[in-house]
Amino acid sequence: MTKKIAVYICGIPFGVLMKDKKILMISADPDRLDAHLPGPWSKGPARETKALLTRVLQGEKRIRPDFGSNPFLAEATPFQRRVWMEICGIGRGETKTYGEIAARLGNPGLARAVGLACNANPLALVIPCHRVVGKNGTGGYAGGTEAKIRLLEMEGALPPLTPRAGP
């Protein structure tokens, strides 16, 4: 059975699409999940899913994208797959620019295409597209720039930019 689960990581809402306990899609844009699975959001297993994704962000757990069995990865173009595999090599606390990724793929002029591939990424956090930044700033993110900045701060890739209230 396929279900949508909402989890909060670093105060950022992520939607997770799961089927038979396998994560198919993770997005900071809930409309993206609603487009694939209309209807109500499920209540479980949110705790286990949040714990797993937190471990991924903390660098304690790596999930290899399965391009063969995940339908959202299987429909990717060869270029998107190459970009996403390159992004998987960016470690916690590190960033690369869209241009650096494009250059590593053999064409530094494809920075914008790398950005489009990041935007099409169906597995946010697992394929850590938030670690890809613009040469003059953070660049875009499906969950918004503030969410991207929070994730990068949490991973130690950016110093805290603004003081936050709370614990």
Protein backbone atom coordinates (compact mmCIF):
# COMPACT_ATOMS: atom_id res chain seq x y z
CA MET A 1 0.00 0.00 0.00
CA THR A 2 1.31 3.44 -0.92
CA LYS A 3 1.00 6.26 1.60
CA LYS A 4 2.11 9.84 2.22
CA ILE A 5 3.74 10.70 5.52
CA ALA A 6 4.66 14.16 6.82
CA VAL A 7 7.82 14.51 8.91
CA TYR A 8 9.58 17.59 10.26
CA ILE A 9 13.35 17.75 10.11
CA CYS A 10 15.11 20.90 11.40
CA GLY A 11 11.63 22.41 11.57
CA ILE A 12 11.18 21.86 7.82
CA PRO A 13 8.15 19.86 6.68
CA PHE A 14 9.02 17.02 4.32
CA GLY A 15 6.55 14.74 2.62
CA VAL A 16 7.56 11.12 2.18
CA LEU A 17 5.87 8.76 -0.27
CA MET A 18 6.28 5.14 0.82
CA LYS A 19 5.24 1.78 -0.52
CA ASP A 20 5.73 -1.40 1.48
CA LYS A 21 8.17 0.38 3.84
CA LYS A 22 10.32 1.57 0.91
CA ILE A 23 10.83 5.29 0.43
CA LEU A 24 9.87 6.26 -3.12
CA MET A 25 9.89 10.05 -2.89
CA ILE A 26 10.92 12.76 -0.42
CA SER A 27 10.05 16.38 -1.04
CA ALA A 28 9.90 19.65 0.82
CA ASP A 29 7.08 20.54 -1.57
CA PRO A 30 3.87 18.74 -0.44
CA ASP A 31 2.09 19.55 -3.72
CA ARG A 32 4.60 17.35 -5.51
CA LEU A 33 3.50 14.33 -3.48
CA ASP A 34 -0.19 15.21 -3.79
CA ALA A 35 0.22 15.18 -7.57
CA HIS A 36 1.37 11.55 -7.40
CA LEU A 37 -0.94 10.36 -4.64
CA PRO A 38 -4.05 12.49 -4.06
CA GLY A 39 -5.93 12.04 -0.83
CA PRO A 40 -5.22 12.11 2.89
CA TRP A 41 -1.83 11.95 4.53
CA SER A 42 -1.04 8.94 6.75
CA LYS A 43 -0.03 9.17 10.40
CA GLY A 44 2.55 6.41 10.43
CA PRO A 45 5.32 5.31 10.41
CA ALA A 46 6.35 8.97 10.77
CA ARG A 47 8.56 8.44 13.84
CA GLU A 48 10.67 5.73 12.17
CA THR A 49 10.85 7.67 8.91
CA LYS A 50 11.96 10.85 10.69
CA ALA A 51 14.61 8.92 12.65
CA LEU A 52 15.95 7.38 9.44
CA LEU A 53 16.11 10.69 7.57
CA THR A 54 17.72 12.42 10.55
CA ARG A 55 20.43 9.73 10.57
CA VAL A 56 20.94 10.32 6.83
CA LEU A 57 21.38 14.07 7.38
CA GLN A 58 23.74 13.50 10.31
CA GLY A 59 25.92 11.32 8.11
CA GLU A 60 25.28 8.19 10.19
CA LYS A 61 23.35 6.37 7.44
CA ARG A 62 23.67 6.28 3.66
CA ILE A 63 20.85 5.19 1.41
CA ARG A 64 21.88 4.32 -2.14
CA PRO A 65 19.30 5.43 -4.70
CA ASP A 66 17.89 2.36 -6.45
CA PHE A 67 17.40 3.40 -10.06
CA GLY A 68 16.03 -0.02 -10.96
CA SER A 69 13.14 -0.43 -8.52
CA ASN A 70 12.12 3.16 -7.71
CA PRO A 71 9.65 4.30 -10.40
CA PHE A 72 10.49 7.98 -9.87
CA LEU A 73 14.20 7.34 -10.36
CA ALA A 74 13.59 4.96 -13.28
CA GLU A 75 11.89 7.72 -15.30
CA ALA A 76 14.91 10.04 -14.97
CA THR A 77 16.91 11.06 -18.01
CA PRO A 78 20.50 9.78 -18.28
CA PHE A 79 21.73 13.33 -17.56
CA GLN A 80 19.60 13.57 -14.39
CA ARG A 81 20.97 10.21 -13.21
CA ARG A 82 24.55 11.39 -13.76
CA VAL A 83 23.86 14.63 -11.86
CA TRP A 84 22.17 12.81 -8.98
CA MET A 85 25.00 10.27 -8.67
CA GLU A 86 27.50 13.14 -8.61
CA ILE A 87 25.47 14.87 -5.89
CA CYS A 88 25.46 11.67 -3.82
CA GLY A 89 29.23 12.08 -3.59
CA ILE A 90 28.98 15.44 -1.82
CA GLY A 91 29.61 14.74 1.85
CA ARG A 92 27.90 16.16 4.89
CA GLY A 93 29.22 19.64 5.63
CA GLU A 94 30.36 20.15 2.03
CA THR A 95 28.86 22.04 -0.89
CA LYS A 96 29.52 22.16 -4.63
CA THR A 97 28.29 24.76 -7.08
CA TYR A 98 26.03 23.95 -10.01
CA GLY A 99 28.98 24.85 -12.24
CA GLU A 100 31.35 22.50 -10.39
CA ILE A 101 28.93 19.62 -10.86
CA ALA A 102 28.57 20.51 -14.56
CA ALA A 103 32.36 20.63 -14.96
CA ARG A 104 32.75 17.23 -13.29
CA LEU A 105 30.25 15.90 -15.83
CA GLY A 106 32.37 17.31 -18.65
CA ASN A 107 30.61 20.56 -19.55
CA PRO A 108 30.89 23.60 -17.25
CA GLY A 109 28.30 25.40 -19.39
CA LEU A 110 25.54 23.09 -18.14
CA ALA A 111 25.19 24.68 -14.70
CA ARG A 112 21.56 25.64 -15.37
CA ALA A 113 20.78 22.07 -16.52
CA VAL A 114 22.29 20.80 -13.27
CA GLY A 115 19.91 23.12 -11.41
CA LEU A 116 16.97 21.71 -13.35
CA ALA A 117 18.09 18.17 -12.49
CA CYS A 118 18.25 19.17 -8.82
CA ASN A 119 14.71 20.51 -9.06
CA ALA A 120 13.54 17.18 -10.54
CA ASN A 121 15.18 15.16 -7.73
CA PRO A 122 12.55 12.83 -6.26
CA LEU A 123 14.61 11.89 -3.19
CA ALA A 124 15.49 15.07 -1.32
CA LEU A 125 17.93 14.41 1.55
CA VAL A 126 18.90 10.98 0.14
CA ILE A 127 20.17 12.68 -3.03
CA PRO A 128 21.29 15.80 -1.12
CA CYS A 129 20.56 18.49 -3.70
CA HIS A 130 20.51 21.06 -0.89
CA ARG A 131 24.33 20.74 -0.93
CA VAL A 132 24.47 22.18 -4.46
CA VAL A 133 24.69 25.97 -4.37
CA GLY A 134 25.00 28.86 -6.78
CA LYS A 135 28.35 30.54 -7.29
CA ASN A 136 26.89 33.76 -5.85
CA GLY A 137 24.54 32.37 -3.22
CA THR A 138 22.57 29.41 -2.03
CA GLY A 139 20.54 28.83 -5.19
CA GLY A 140 17.04 27.40 -5.24
CA TYR A 141 15.38 24.63 -3.30
CA ALA A 142 11.92 23.06 -3.55
CA GLY A 143 11.28 23.83 0.12
CA GLY A 144 12.49 27.41 -0.24
CA THR A 145 15.80 29.15 0.36
CA GLU A 146 15.29 29.32 4.14
CA ALA A 147 14.91 25.54 4.31
CA LYS A 148 18.07 25.04 2.26
CA ILE A 149 20.00 27.41 4.52
CA ARG A 150 18.74 25.60 7.64
CA LEU A 151 19.82 22.22 6.26
CA LEU A 152 23.27 23.54 5.32
CA GLU A 153 23.68 25.19 8.74
CA MET A 154 22.64 21.98 10.49
CA GLU A 155 25.23 20.02 8.51
CA GLY A 156 27.94 22.57 9.23
CA ALA A 157 28.31 23.65 5.60
CA LEU A 158 27.32 27.23 6.47
CA PRO A 159 27.85 29.18 9.66
CA PRO A 160 24.53 30.18 11.25
CA LEU A 161 23.42 33.25 9.31
CA THR A 162 20.72 34.51 11.65
CA PRO A 163 20.05 33.91 15.32
CA ARG A 164 16.96 31.79 15.87
CA ALA A 165 14.63 31.92 18.82
CA GLY A 166 13.86 28.73 20.66
CA PRO A 167 15.71 25.88 22.33
